[in-house]
């Protein structure tokens, strides 16, 4: 089951996705996201609580990004969960999505991608 909640301020709408984003949930998620997409503000999707992401969920996120680019809209993905990072790694799609990702030390060892990561100094 997927929960979709949104908070709005003067600059953007932050959408929190919580739960699985798989074949069963994509239609529900898309219906809610498409309604928010038509608002005049940028969308930020917080993916921290996405517990499972299959190819349908991945394709929906990819489609939302490509549609936003074509329409001149702003859609950002933030706080990528381990499930989302695993899909980005599997499909080599970090650059395609174009969002900053933040990795823990454990994540850096777990995932193969090394591009687009900045060294952080303490």
PDB file of N, CA and C in Angstrom:
ATOM      1  N   UNK A   1       0.839  -1.181   0.000  1.00  0.00           N
ATOM      2  CA  UNK A   1       0.000   0.000   0.000  1.00  0.00           C
ATOM      3  C   UNK A   1       0.880   1.240   0.000  1.00  0.00           C
ATOM      4  N   UNK A   2       0.463   2.242  -0.739  1.00  0.00           N
ATOM      5  CA  UNK A   2       1.205   3.495  -0.861  1.00  0.00           C
ATOM      6  C   UNK A   2       0.376   4.635  -0.300  1.00  0.00           C
ATOM      7  N   UNK A   3       0.993   5.453   0.515  1.00  0.00           N
ATOM      8  CA  UNK A   3       0.356   6.671   1.006  1.00  0.00           C
ATOM      9  C   UNK A   3       1.005   7.855   0.310  1.00  0.00           C
ATOM     10  N   UNK A   4       0.181   8.758  -0.170  1.00  0.00           N
ATOM     11  CA  UNK A   4       0.654   9.962  -0.841  1.00  0.00           C
ATOM     12  C   UNK A   4       0.091  11.155  -0.086  1.00  0.00           C
ATOM     13  N   UNK A   5       0.981  11.953   0.489  1.00  0.00           N
ATOM     14  CA  UNK A   5       0.548  13.160   1.195  1.00  0.00           C
ATOM     15  C   UNK A   5       1.300  14.351   0.618  1.00  0.00           C
ATOM     16  N   UNK A   6       0.689  15.504   0.672  1.00  0.00           N
ATOM     17  CA  UNK A   6       1.312  16.700   0.089  1.00  0.00           C
ATOM     18  C   UNK A   6       1.194  17.879   1.052  1.00  0.00           C
ATOM     19  N   UNK A   7       2.262  18.675   1.066  1.00  0.00           N
ATOM     20  CA  UNK A   7       2.290  19.945   1.788  1.00  0.00           C
ATOM     21  C   UNK A   7       2.678  21.014   0.788  1.00  0.00           C
ATOM     22  N   UNK A   8       2.065  22.154   0.919  1.00  0.00           N
ATOM     23  CA  UNK A   8       2.305  23.233  -0.043  1.00  0.00           C
ATOM     24  C   UNK A   8       2.780  24.474   0.690  1.00  0.00           C
ATOM     25  N   UNK A   9       3.738  25.172   0.082  1.00  0.00           N
ATOM     26  CA  UNK A   9       4.105  26.505   0.551  1.00  0.00           C
ATOM     27  C   UNK A   9       4.098  27.433  -0.654  1.00  0.00           C
ATOM     28  N   UNK A  10       4.605  28.640  -0.502  1.00  0.00           N
ATOM     29  CA  UNK A  10       4.526  29.616  -1.600  1.00  0.00           C
ATOM     30  C   UNK A  10       5.405  29.260  -2.800  1.00  0.00           C
ATOM     31  N   UNK A  11       6.418  28.394  -2.617  1.00  0.00           N
ATOM     32  CA  UNK A  11       7.349  28.071  -3.698  1.00  0.00           C
ATOM     33  C   UNK A  11       7.103  26.713  -4.361  1.00  0.00           C
ATOM     34  N   UNK A  12       6.703  25.711  -3.569  1.00  0.00           N
ATOM     35  CA  UNK A  12       6.609  24.360  -4.108  1.00  0.00           C
ATOM     36  C   UNK A  12       5.581  23.518  -3.354  1.00  0.00           C
ATOM     37  N   UNK A  13       5.354  22.348  -3.901  1.00  0.00           N
ATOM     38  CA  UNK A  13       4.528  21.334  -3.247  1.00  0.00           C
ATOM     39  C   UNK A  13       5.441  20.158  -2.954  1.00  0.00           C
ATOM     40  N   UNK A  14       5.533  19.776  -1.676  1.00  0.00           N
ATOM     41  CA  UNK A  14       6.332  18.609  -1.308  1.00  0.00           C
ATOM     42  C   UNK A  14       5.399  17.425  -1.137  1.00  0.00           C
ATOM     43  N   UNK A  15       5.680  16.373  -1.887  1.00  0.00           N
ATOM     44  CA  UNK A  15       4.863  15.173  -1.877  1.00  0.00           C
ATOM     45  C   UNK A  15       5.659  14.060  -1.211  1.00  0.00           C
ATOM     46  N   UNK A  16       5.091  13.466  -0.178  1.00  0.00           N
ATOM     47  CA  UNK A  16       5.731  12.339   0.497  1.00  0.00           C
ATOM     48  C   UNK A  16       5.083  11.051   0.030  1.00  0.00           C
ATOM     49  N   UNK A  17       5.909  10.150  -0.472  1.00  0.00           N
ATOM     50  CA  UNK A  17       5.443   8.823  -0.859  1.00  0.00           C
ATOM     51  C   UNK A  17       5.905   7.860   0.224  1.00  0.00           C
ATOM     52  N   UNK A  18       4.974   7.089   0.753  1.00  0.00           N
ATOM     53  CA  UNK A  18       5.297   6.173   1.830  1.00  0.00           C
ATOM     54  C   UNK A  18       4.708   4.803   1.523  1.00  0.00           C
ATOM     55  N   UNK A  19       5.582   3.801   1.418  1.00  0.00           N
ATOM     56  CA  UNK A  19       5.151   2.443   1.117  1.00  0.00           C
ATOM     57  C   UNK A  19       5.717   1.980  -0.208  1.00  0.00           C
ATOM     58  N   UNK A  20       5.094   0.960  -0.762  1.00  0.00           N
ATOM     59  CA  UNK A  20       5.561   0.368  -2.011  1.00  0.00           C
ATOM     60  C   UNK A  20       5.058   1.162  -3.216  1.00  0.00           C
ATOM     61  N   UNK A  21       5.936   1.360  -4.175  1.00  0.00           N
ATOM     62  CA  UNK A  21       5.573   1.991  -5.448  1.00  0.00           C
ATOM     63  C   UNK A  21       5.808   0.934  -6.526  1.00  0.00           C
ATOM     64  N   UNK A  22       4.828   0.054  -6.635  1.00  0.00           N
ATOM     65  CA  UNK A  22       4.920  -1.083  -7.546  1.00  0.00           C
ATOM     66  C   UNK A  22       3.698  -1.103  -8.452  1.00  0.00           C
ATOM     67  N   UNK A  23       3.630  -2.091  -9.285  1.00  0.00           N
ATOM     68  CA  UNK A  23       2.543  -2.225 -10.255  1.00  0.00           C
ATOM     69  C   UNK A  23       1.175  -1.972  -9.630  1.00  0.00           C
ATOM     70  N   UNK A  24       0.938  -2.493  -8.461  1.00  0.00           N
ATOM     71  CA  UNK A  24      -0.367  -2.345  -7.810  1.00  0.00           C
ATOM     72  C   UNK A  24      -0.680  -0.911  -7.404  1.00  0.00           C
ATOM     73  N   UNK A  25       0.343  -0.133  -7.104  1.00  0.00           N
ATOM     74  CA  UNK A  25       0.129   1.221  -6.584  1.00  0.00           C
ATOM     75  C   UNK A  25       0.309   2.330  -7.618  1.00  0.00           C
ATOM     76  N   UNK A  26       0.866   2.016  -8.768  1.00  0.00           N
ATOM     77  CA  UNK A  26       1.212   3.062  -9.738  1.00  0.00           C
ATOM     78  C   UNK A  26      -0.011   3.865 -10.192  1.00  0.00           C
ATOM     79  N   UNK A  27      -1.120   3.216 -10.470  1.00  0.00           N
ATOM     80  CA  UNK A  27      -2.305   3.944 -10.944  1.00  0.00           C
ATOM     81  C   UNK A  27      -2.781   4.941  -9.892  1.00  0.00           C
ATOM     82  N   UNK A  28      -2.837   4.520  -8.646  1.00  0.00           N
ATOM     83  CA  UNK A  28      -3.243   5.399  -7.556  1.00  0.00           C
ATOM     84  C   UNK A  28      -2.256   6.556  -7.412  1.00  0.00           C
ATOM     85  N   UNK A  29      -0.966   6.232  -7.423  1.00  0.00           N
ATOM     86  CA  UNK A  29       0.059   7.262  -7.282  1.00  0.00           C
ATOM     87  C   UNK A  29      -0.008   8.255  -8.430  1.00  0.00           C
ATOM     88  N   UNK A  30      -0.142   7.746  -9.654  1.00  0.00           N
ATOM     89  CA  UNK A  30      -0.175   8.625 -10.814  1.00  0.00           C
ATOM     90  C   UNK A  30      -1.377   9.560 -10.767  1.00  0.00           C
ATOM     91  N   UNK A  31      -2.524   9.053 -10.367  1.00  0.00           N
ATOM     92  CA  UNK A  31      -3.733   9.877 -10.292  1.00  0.00           C
ATOM     93  C   UNK A  31      -3.506  11.055  -9.341  1.00  0.00           C
ATOM     94  N   UNK A  32      -2.920  10.789  -8.207  1.00  0.00           N
ATOM     95  CA  UNK A  32      -2.652  11.855  -7.224  1.00  0.00           C
ATOM     96  C   UNK A  32      -1.558  12.801  -7.716  1.00  0.00           C
ATOM     97  N   UNK A  33      -0.478  12.255  -8.274  1.00  0.00           N
ATOM     98  CA  UNK A  33       0.631  13.090  -8.730  1.00  0.00           C
ATOM     99  C   UNK A  33       0.243  13.942  -9.935  1.00  0.00           C
ATOM    100  N   UNK A  34      -0.552  13.400 -10.831  1.00  0.00           N
ATOM    101  CA  UNK A  34      -0.956  14.172 -11.999  1.00  0.00           C
ATOM    102  C   UNK A  34      -1.787  15.383 -11.590  1.00  0.00           C
ATOM    103  N   UNK A  35      -2.661  15.221 -10.605  1.00  0.00           N
ATOM    104  CA  UNK A  35      -3.447  16.355 -10.117  1.00  0.00           C
ATOM    105  C   UNK A  35      -2.526  17.435  -9.538  1.00  0.00           C
ATOM    106  N   UNK A  36      -1.505  17.024  -8.795  1.00  0.00           N
ATOM    107  CA  UNK A  36      -0.554  17.982  -8.222  1.00  0.00           C
ATOM    108  C   UNK A  36       0.343  18.591  -9.295  1.00  0.00           C
ATOM    109  N   UNK A  37       0.657  17.829 -10.318  1.00  0.00           N
ATOM    110  CA  UNK A  37       1.523  18.282 -11.408  1.00  0.00           C
ATOM    111  C   UNK A  37       0.939  19.516 -12.098  1.00  0.00           C
ATOM    112  N   UNK A  38      -0.355  19.598 -12.168  1.00  0.00           N
ATOM    113  CA  UNK A  38      -1.000  20.703 -12.871  1.00  0.00           C
ATOM    114  C   UNK A  38      -1.065  21.987 -12.046  1.00  0.00           C
ATOM    115  N   UNK A  39      -0.606  21.936 -10.813  1.00  0.00           N
ATOM    116  CA  UNK A  39      -0.497  23.148 -10.009  1.00  0.00           C
ATOM    117  C   UNK A  39       0.670  23.979 -10.556  1.00  0.00           C
ATOM    118  N   UNK A  40       0.635  25.290 -10.398  1.00  0.00           N
ATOM    119  CA  UNK A  40       1.692  26.129 -10.989  1.00  0.00           C
ATOM    120  C   UNK A  40       3.033  26.102 -10.239  1.00  0.00           C
ATOM    121  N   UNK A  41       3.149  25.321  -9.196  1.00  0.00           N
ATOM    122  CA  UNK A  41       4.376  25.279  -8.396  1.00  0.00           C
ATOM    123  C   UNK A  41       5.224  24.055  -8.730  1.00  0.00           C
ATOM    124  N   UNK A  42       6.501  24.135  -8.366  1.00  0.00           N
ATOM    125  CA  UNK A  42       7.410  22.998  -8.527  1.00  0.00           C
ATOM    126  C   UNK A  42       6.970  21.867  -7.602  1.00  0.00           C
ATOM    127  N   UNK A  43       7.240  20.643  -8.025  1.00  0.00           N
ATOM    128  CA  UNK A  43       6.964  19.461  -7.213  1.00  0.00           C
ATOM    129  C   UNK A  43       8.268  18.896  -6.681  1.00  0.00           C
ATOM    130  N   UNK A  44       8.284  18.577  -5.400  1.00  0.00           N
ATOM    131  CA  UNK A  44       9.404  17.871  -4.799  1.00  0.00           C
ATOM    132  C   UNK A  44       8.840  16.584  -4.233  1.00  0.00           C
ATOM    133  N   UNK A  45       9.314  15.453  -4.740  1.00  0.00           N
ATOM    134  CA  UNK A  45       8.863  14.157  -4.244  1.00  0.00           C
ATOM    135  C   UNK A  45       9.878  13.629  -3.250  1.00  0.00           C
ATOM    136  N   UNK A  46       9.443  13.485  -2.017  1.00  0.00           N
ATOM    137  CA  UNK A  46      10.265  12.924  -0.959  1.00  0.00           C
ATOM    138  C   UNK A  46      10.115  11.411  -1.033  1.00  0.00           C
ATOM    139  N   UNK A  47      11.196  10.724  -1.370  1.00  0.00           N
ATOM    140  CA  UNK A  47      11.174   9.280  -1.588  1.00  0.00           C
ATOM    141  C   UNK A  47      11.770   8.495  -0.421  1.00  0.00           C
ATOM    142  N   UNK A  48      11.964   9.140   0.715  1.00  0.00           N
ATOM    143  CA  UNK A  48      12.631   8.509   1.861  1.00  0.00           C
ATOM    144  C   UNK A  48      11.892   7.297   2.388  1.00  0.00           C
ATOM    145  N   UNK A  49      10.585   7.252   2.246  1.00  0.00           N
ATOM    146  CA  UNK A  49       9.802   6.162   2.820  1.00  0.00           C
ATOM    147  C   UNK A  49       9.278   5.179   1.772  1.00  0.00           C
ATOM    148  N   UNK A  50       9.849   5.220   0.571  1.00  0.00           N
ATOM    149  CA  UNK A  50       9.484   4.231  -0.447  1.00  0.00           C
ATOM    150  C   UNK A  50      10.181   2.930  -0.085  1.00  0.00           C
ATOM    151  N   UNK A  51       9.376   1.903   0.204  1.00  0.00           N
ATOM    152  CA  UNK A  51       9.917   0.636   0.700  1.00  0.00           C
ATOM    153  C   UNK A  51      10.210  -0.367  -0.400  1.00  0.00           C
ATOM    154  N   UNK A  52       9.565  -0.210  -1.556  1.00  0.00           N
ATOM    155  CA  UNK A  52       9.749  -1.138  -2.664  1.00  0.00           C
ATOM    156  C   UNK A  52       9.483  -0.368  -3.951  1.00  0.00           C
ATOM    157  N   UNK A  53      10.303  -0.605  -4.956  1.00  0.00           N
ATOM    158  CA  UNK A  53      10.148   0.070  -6.239  1.00  0.00           C
ATOM    159  C   UNK A  53      10.421  -0.951  -7.332  1.00  0.00           C
ATOM    160  N   UNK A  54       9.397  -1.273  -8.125  1.00  0.00           N
ATOM    161  CA  UNK A  54       9.597  -2.196  -9.242  1.00  0.00           C
ATOM    162  C   UNK A  54       9.736  -1.392 -10.532  1.00  0.00           C
ATOM    163  N   UNK A  55       9.784  -2.086 -11.661  1.00  0.00           N
ATOM    164  CA  UNK A  55       9.996  -1.380 -12.928  1.00  0.00           C
ATOM    165  C   UNK A  55       8.845  -0.440 -13.269  1.00  0.00           C
ATOM    166  N   UNK A  56       7.623  -0.762 -12.899  1.00  0.00           N
ATOM    167  CA  UNK A  56       6.496   0.148 -13.164  1.00  0.00           C
ATOM    168  C   UNK A  56       6.638   1.435 -12.357  1.00  0.00           C
ATOM    169  N   UNK A  57       7.003   1.302 -11.093  1.00  0.00           N
ATOM    170  CA  UNK A  57       7.214   2.486 -10.263  1.00  0.00           C
ATOM    171  C   UNK A  57       8.352   3.334 -10.801  1.00  0.00           C
ATOM    172  N   UNK A  58       9.433   2.660 -11.197  1.00  0.00           N
ATOM    173  CA  UNK A  58      10.573   3.362 -11.782  1.00  0.00           C
ATOM    174  C   UNK A  58      10.169   4.093 -13.057  1.00  0.00           C
ATOM    175  N   UNK A  59       9.410   3.418 -13.918  1.00  0.00           N
ATOM    176  CA  UNK A  59       8.964   4.032 -15.172  1.00  0.00           C
ATOM    177  C   UNK A  59       8.066   5.235 -14.919  1.00  0.00           C
ATOM    178  N   UNK A  60       7.231   5.160 -13.891  1.00  0.00           N
ATOM    179  CA  UNK A  60       6.385   6.302 -13.572  1.00  0.00           C
ATOM    180  C   UNK A  60       7.236   7.505 -13.158  1.00  0.00           C
ATOM    181  N   UNK A  61       8.244   7.273 -12.313  1.00  0.00           N
ATOM    182  CA  UNK A  61       9.126   8.361 -11.895  1.00  0.00           C
ATOM    183  C   UNK A  61       9.889   8.922 -13.092  1.00  0.00           C
ATOM    184  N   UNK A  62      10.358   8.037 -13.965  1.00  0.00           N
ATOM    185  CA  UNK A  62      11.078   8.471 -15.158  1.00  0.00           C
ATOM    186  C   UNK A  62      10.166   9.277 -16.083  1.00  0.00           C
ATOM    187  N   UNK A  63       8.944   8.809 -16.274  1.00  0.00           N
ATOM    188  CA  UNK A  63       7.989   9.514 -17.123  1.00  0.00           C
ATOM    189  C   UNK A  63       7.660  10.893 -16.554  1.00  0.00           C
ATOM    190  N   UNK A  64       7.458  10.981 -15.251  1.00  0.00           N
ATOM    191  CA  UNK A  64       7.149  12.273 -14.634  1.00  0.00           C
ATOM    192  C   UNK A  64       8.285  13.261 -14.864  1.00  0.00           C
ATOM    193  N   UNK A  65       9.525  12.803 -14.740  1.00  0.00           N
ATOM    194  CA  UNK A  65      10.692  13.664 -14.996  1.00  0.00           C
ATOM    195  C   UNK A  65      10.742  14.110 -16.459  1.00  0.00           C
ATOM    196  N   UNK A  66      10.584  13.170 -17.382  1.00  0.00           N
ATOM    197  CA  UNK A  66      10.699  13.522 -18.805  1.00  0.00           C
ATOM    198  C   UNK A  66       9.538  14.417 -19.236  1.00  0.00           C
ATOM    199  N   UNK A  67       8.357  14.173 -18.712  1.00  0.00           N
ATOM    200  CA  UNK A  67       7.214  15.034 -19.028  1.00  0.00           C
ATOM    201  C   UNK A  67       7.444  16.445 -18.502  1.00  0.00           C
ATOM    202  N   UNK A  68       7.977  16.557 -17.301  1.00  0.00           N
ATOM    203  CA  UNK A  68       8.257  17.876 -16.726  1.00  0.00           C
ATOM    204  C   UNK A  68       9.285  18.630 -17.570  1.00  0.00           C
ATOM    205  N   UNK A  69      10.316  17.936 -18.014  1.00  0.00           N
ATOM    206  CA  UNK A  69      11.318  18.589 -18.879  1.00  0.00           C
ATOM    207  C   UNK A  69      10.677  19.097 -20.160  1.00  0.00           C
ATOM    208  N   UNK A  70       9.840  18.275 -20.776  1.00  0.00           N
ATOM    209  CA  UNK A  70       9.182  18.663 -22.028  1.00  0.00           C
ATOM    210  C   UNK A  70       8.230  19.836 -21.827  1.00  0.00           C
ATOM    211  N   UNK A  71       7.599  19.900 -20.661  1.00  0.00           N
ATOM    212  CA  UNK A  71       6.638  20.969 -20.368  1.00  0.00           C
ATOM    213  C   UNK A  71       7.288  22.193 -19.734  1.00  0.00           C
ATOM    214  N   UNK A  72       8.598  22.128 -19.483  1.00  0.00           N
ATOM    215  CA  UNK A  72       9.278  23.252 -18.833  1.00  0.00           C
ATOM    216  C   UNK A  72       8.899  23.393 -17.365  1.00  0.00           C
ATOM    217  N   UNK A  73       8.539  22.285 -16.739  1.00  0.00           N
ATOM    218  CA  UNK A  73       8.136  22.264 -15.327  1.00  0.00           C
ATOM    219  C   UNK A  73       9.280  21.759 -14.472  1.00  0.00           C
ATOM    220  N   UNK A  74       9.194  22.003 -13.181  1.00  0.00           N
ATOM    221  CA  UNK A  74      10.212  21.545 -12.242  1.00  0.00           C
ATOM    222  C   UNK A  74       9.649  20.415 -11.384  1.00  0.00           C
ATOM    223  N   UNK A  75      10.307  19.265 -11.458  1.00  0.00           N
ATOM    224  CA  UNK A  75      10.003  18.118 -10.612  1.00  0.00           C
ATOM    225  C   UNK A  75      11.339  17.615 -10.072  1.00  0.00           C
ATOM    226  N   UNK A  76      11.443  17.535  -8.750  1.00  0.00           N
ATOM    227  CA  UNK A  76      12.677  17.082  -8.104  1.00  0.00           C
ATOM    228  C   UNK A  76      12.371  15.884  -7.218  1.00  0.00           C
ATOM    229  N   UNK A  77      13.316  14.961  -7.157  1.00  0.00           N
ATOM    230  CA  UNK A  77      13.208  13.823  -6.253  1.00  0.00           C
ATOM    231  C   UNK A  77      14.246  14.010  -5.157  1.00  0.00           C
ATOM    232  N   UNK A  78      13.839  13.789  -3.918  1.00  0.00           N
ATOM    233  CA  UNK A  78      14.715  14.033  -2.778  1.00  0.00           C
ATOM    234  C   UNK A  78      14.645  12.885  -1.787  1.00  0.00           C
ATOM    235  N   UNK A  79      15.690  12.768  -0.977  1.00  0.00           N
ATOM    236  CA  UNK A  79      15.770  11.804   0.116  1.00  0.00           C
ATOM    237  C   UNK A  79      15.477  10.385  -0.359  1.00  0.00           C
ATOM    238  N   UNK A  80      16.188   9.956  -1.366  1.00  0.00           N
ATOM    239  CA  UNK A  80      16.005   8.638  -1.983  1.00  0.00           C
ATOM    240  C   UNK A  80      16.199   7.514  -0.963  1.00  0.00           C
ATOM    241  N   UNK A  81      15.217   6.628  -0.857  1.00  0.00           N
ATOM    242  CA  UNK A  81      15.329   5.471   0.036  1.00  0.00           C
ATOM    243  C   UNK A  81      16.277   4.443  -0.570  1.00  0.00           C
ATOM    244  N   UNK A  82      16.604   3.423   0.223  1.00  0.00           N
ATOM    245  CA  UNK A  82      17.473   2.348  -0.272  1.00  0.00           C
ATOM    246  C   UNK A  82      16.844   1.653  -1.477  1.00  0.00           C
ATOM    247  N   UNK A  83      15.516   1.484  -1.467  1.00  0.00           N
ATOM    248  CA  UNK A  83      14.837   0.833  -2.598  1.00  0.00           C
ATOM    249  C   UNK A  83      14.966   1.680  -3.864  1.00  0.00           C
ATOM    250  N   UNK A  84      14.855   2.978  -3.731  1.00  0.00           N
ATOM    251  CA  UNK A  84      14.983   3.875  -4.887  1.00  0.00           C
ATOM    252  C   UNK A  84      16.430   3.895  -5.364  1.00  0.00           C
ATOM    253  N   UNK A  85      17.374   3.967  -4.433  1.00  0.00           N
ATOM    254  CA  UNK A  85      18.793   3.955  -4.811  1.00  0.00           C
ATOM    255  C   UNK A  85      19.156   2.665  -5.538  1.00  0.00           C
ATOM    256  N   UNK A  86      18.606   1.555  -5.087  1.00  0.00           N
ATOM    257  CA  UNK A  86      18.886   0.271  -5.735  1.00  0.00           C
ATOM    258  C   UNK A  86      18.391   0.285  -7.180  1.00  0.00           C
ATOM    259  N   UNK A  87      17.211   0.860  -7.420  1.00  0.00           N
ATOM    260  CA  UNK A  87      16.688   0.941  -8.792  1.00  0.00           C
ATOM    261  C   UNK A  87      17.536   1.876  -9.637  1.00  0.00           C
ATOM    262  N   UNK A  88      17.916   3.017  -9.090  1.00  0.00           N
ATOM    263  CA  UNK A  88      18.765   3.956  -9.835  1.00  0.00           C
ATOM    264  C   UNK A  88      20.095   3.300 -10.192  1.00  0.00           C
ATOM    265  N   UNK A  89      20.622   2.541  -9.260  1.00  0.00           N
ATOM    266  CA  UNK A  89      21.877   1.835  -9.492  1.00  0.00           C
ATOM    267  C   UNK A  89      21.696   0.759 -10.559  1.00  0.00           C
ATOM    268  N   UNK A  90      20.648  -0.038 -10.434  1.00  0.00           N
ATOM    269  CA  UNK A  90      20.387  -1.119 -11.379  1.00  0.00           C
ATOM    270  C   UNK A  90      20.241  -0.602 -12.809  1.00  0.00           C
ATOM    271  N   UNK A  91      19.493   0.489 -12.967  1.00  0.00           N
ATOM    272  CA  UNK A  91      19.223   1.020 -14.301  1.00  0.00           C
ATOM    273  C   UNK A  91      20.225   2.091 -14.736  1.00  0.00           C
ATOM    274  N   UNK A  92      21.203   2.408 -13.891  1.00  0.00           N
ATOM    275  CA  UNK A  92      22.195   3.426 -14.236  1.00  0.00           C
ATOM    276  C   UNK A  92      21.552   4.770 -14.534  1.00  0.00           C
ATOM    277  N   UNK A  93      20.584   5.151 -13.718  1.00  0.00           N
ATOM    278  CA  UNK A  93      19.740   6.299 -14.046  1.00  0.00           C
ATOM    279  C   UNK A  93      19.961   7.530 -13.172  1.00  0.00           C
ATOM    280  N   UNK A  94      21.020   7.574 -12.391  1.00  0.00           N
ATOM    281  CA  UNK A  94      21.247   8.746 -11.544  1.00  0.00           C
ATOM    282  C   UNK A  94      21.345  10.002 -12.400  1.00  0.00           C
ATOM    283  N   UNK A  95      22.135   9.969 -13.459  1.00  0.00           N
ATOM    284  CA  UNK A  95      22.305  11.139 -14.324  1.00  0.00           C
ATOM    285  C   UNK A  95      21.019  11.469 -15.072  1.00  0.00           C
ATOM    286  N   UNK A  96      20.263  10.463 -15.468  1.00  0.00           N
ATOM    287  CA  UNK A  96      19.008  10.683 -16.190  1.00  0.00           C
ATOM    288  C   UNK A  96      18.008  11.458 -15.340  1.00  0.00           C
ATOM    289  N   UNK A  97      17.946  11.134 -14.061  1.00  0.00           N
ATOM    290  CA  UNK A  97      17.010  11.824 -13.179  1.00  0.00           C
ATOM    291  C   UNK A  97      17.521  13.218 -12.841  1.00  0.00           C
ATOM    292  N   UNK A  98      18.831  13.353 -12.682  1.00  0.00           N
ATOM    293  CA  UNK A  98      19.436  14.657 -12.482  1.00  0.00           C
ATOM    294  C   UNK A  98      19.268  15.263 -11.102  1.00  0.00           C
ATOM    295  N   UNK A  99      18.833  14.503 -10.128  1.00  0.00           N
ATOM    296  CA  UNK A  99      18.663  15.016  -8.773  1.00  0.00           C
ATOM    297  C   UNK A  99      19.883  14.683  -7.935  1.00  0.00           C
ATOM    298  N   UNK A 100      20.151  15.522  -6.940  1.00  0.00           N
ATOM    299  CA  UNK A 100      21.237  15.231  -6.019  1.00  0.00           C
ATOM    300  C   UNK A 100      20.819  14.073  -5.141  1.00  0.00           C
ATOM    301  N   UNK A 101      21.766  13.178  -4.908  1.00  0.00           N
ATOM    302  CA  UNK A 101      21.507  12.100  -3.975  1.00  0.00           C
ATOM    303  C   UNK A 101      22.529  12.180  -2.852  1.00  0.00           C
ATOM    304  N   UNK A 102      22.092  11.802  -1.694  1.00  0.00           N
ATOM    305  CA  UNK A 102      22.974  11.808  -0.531  1.00  0.00           C
ATOM    306  C   UNK A 102      23.102  10.374  -0.049  1.00  0.00           C
ATOM    307  N   UNK A 103      24.336   9.918   0.062  1.00  0.00           N
ATOM    308  CA  UNK A 103      24.597   8.537   0.452  1.00  0.00           C
ATOM    309  C   UNK A 103      25.310   8.473   1.784  1.00  0.00           C
ATOM    310  N   UNK A 104      24.913   7.503   2.581  1.00  0.00           N
ATOM    311  CA  UNK A 104      25.651   7.213   3.801  1.00  0.00           C
ATOM    312  C   UNK A 104      26.896   6.413   3.408  1.00  0.00           C
ATOM    313  N   UNK A 105      27.780   6.231   4.346  1.00  0.00           N
ATOM    314  CA  UNK A 105      28.975   5.417   4.068  1.00  0.00           C
ATOM    315  C   UNK A 105      28.583   4.004   3.676  1.00  0.00           C
ATOM    316  N   UNK A 106      27.573   3.451   4.336  1.00  0.00           N
ATOM    317  CA  UNK A 106      27.106   2.095   4.012  1.00  0.00           C
ATOM    318  C   UNK A 106      26.540   2.053   2.592  1.00  0.00           C
ATOM    319  N   UNK A 107      25.793   3.103   2.209  1.00  0.00           N
ATOM    320  CA  UNK A 107      25.244   3.164   0.854  1.00  0.00           C
ATOM    321  C   UNK A 107      26.347   3.227  -0.188  1.00  0.00           C
ATOM    322  N   UNK A 108      27.402   3.956   0.105  1.00  0.00           N
ATOM    323  CA  UNK A 108      28.513   4.089  -0.847  1.00  0.00           C
ATOM    324  C   UNK A 108      29.168   2.740  -1.116  1.00  0.00           C
ATOM    325  N   UNK A 109      29.210   1.889  -0.111  1.00  0.00           N
ATOM    326  CA  UNK A 109      29.796   0.560  -0.286  1.00  0.00           C
ATOM    327  C   UNK A 109      28.821  -0.394  -0.958  1.00  0.00           C
ATOM    328  N   UNK A 110      27.533  -0.187  -0.729  1.00  0.00           N
ATOM    329  CA  UNK A 110      26.515  -1.105  -1.243  1.00  0.00           C
ATOM    330  C   UNK A 110      26.243  -0.932  -2.728  1.00  0.00           C
ATOM    331  N   UNK A 111      26.252   0.301  -3.193  1.00  0.00           N
ATOM    332  CA  UNK A 111      25.867   0.584  -4.567  1.00  0.00           C
ATOM    333  C   UNK A 111      27.084   0.833  -5.439  1.00  0.00           C
ATOM    334  N   UNK A 112      26.976   0.469  -6.715  1.00  0.00           N
ATOM    335  CA  UNK A 112      28.102   0.540  -7.642  1.00  0.00           C
ATOM    336  C   UNK A 112      28.358   1.948  -8.161  1.00  0.00           C
ATOM    337  N   UNK A 113      27.341   2.802  -8.209  1.00  0.00           N
ATOM    338  CA  UNK A 113      27.582   4.098  -8.831  1.00  0.00           C
ATOM    339  C   UNK A 113      28.496   4.952  -7.971  1.00  0.00           C
ATOM    340  N   UNK A 114      29.409   5.607  -8.660  1.00  0.00           N
ATOM    341  CA  UNK A 114      30.362   6.481  -7.992  1.00  0.00           C
ATOM    342  C   UNK A 114      30.356   7.867  -8.618  1.00  0.00           C
ATOM    343  N   UNK A 115      29.649   8.030  -9.710  1.00  0.00           N
ATOM    344  CA  UNK A 115      29.621   9.311 -10.401  1.00  0.00           C
ATOM    345  C   UNK A 115      28.616  10.242  -9.734  1.00  0.00           C
ATOM    346  N   UNK A 116      28.888  11.540  -9.828  1.00  0.00           N
ATOM    347  CA  UNK A 116      27.971  12.531  -9.299  1.00  0.00           C
ATOM    348  C   UNK A 116      28.003  12.672  -7.803  1.00  0.00           C
ATOM    349  N   UNK A 117      28.954  12.047  -7.159  1.00  0.00           N
ATOM    350  CA  UNK A 117      29.050  12.127  -5.701  1.00  0.00           C
ATOM    351  C   UNK A 117      30.147  13.102  -5.320  1.00  0.00           C
ATOM    352  N   UNK A 118      29.836  13.980  -4.376  1.00  0.00           N
ATOM    353  CA  UNK A 118      30.823  14.926  -3.905  1.00  0.00           C
ATOM    354  C   UNK A 118      31.440  14.387  -2.624  1.00  0.00           C
ATOM    355  N   UNK A 119      32.726  14.630  -2.477  1.00  0.00           N
ATOM    356  CA  UNK A 119      33.399  14.273  -1.228  1.00  0.00           C
ATOM    357  C   UNK A 119      33.010  15.325  -0.189  1.00  0.00           C
ATOM    358  N   UNK A 120      32.592  14.885   0.964  1.00  0.00           N
ATOM    359  CA  UNK A 120      32.215  15.798   2.052  1.00  0.00           C
ATOM    360  C   UNK A 120      33.310  15.786   3.090  1.00  0.00           C
ATOM    361  N   UNK A 121      33.728  16.950   3.454  1.00  0.00           N
ATOM    362  CA  UNK A 121      34.765  17.075   4.467  1.00  0.00           C
ATOM    363  C   UNK A 121      34.133  17.524   5.764  1.00  0.00           C
ATOM    364  N   UNK A 122      34.584  16.915   6.865  1.00  0.00           N
ATOM    365  CA  UNK A 122      33.996  17.176   8.179  1.00  0.00           C
ATOM    366  C   UNK A 122      34.430  18.409   8.815  1.00  0.00           C
TER     367      UNK A 122
END
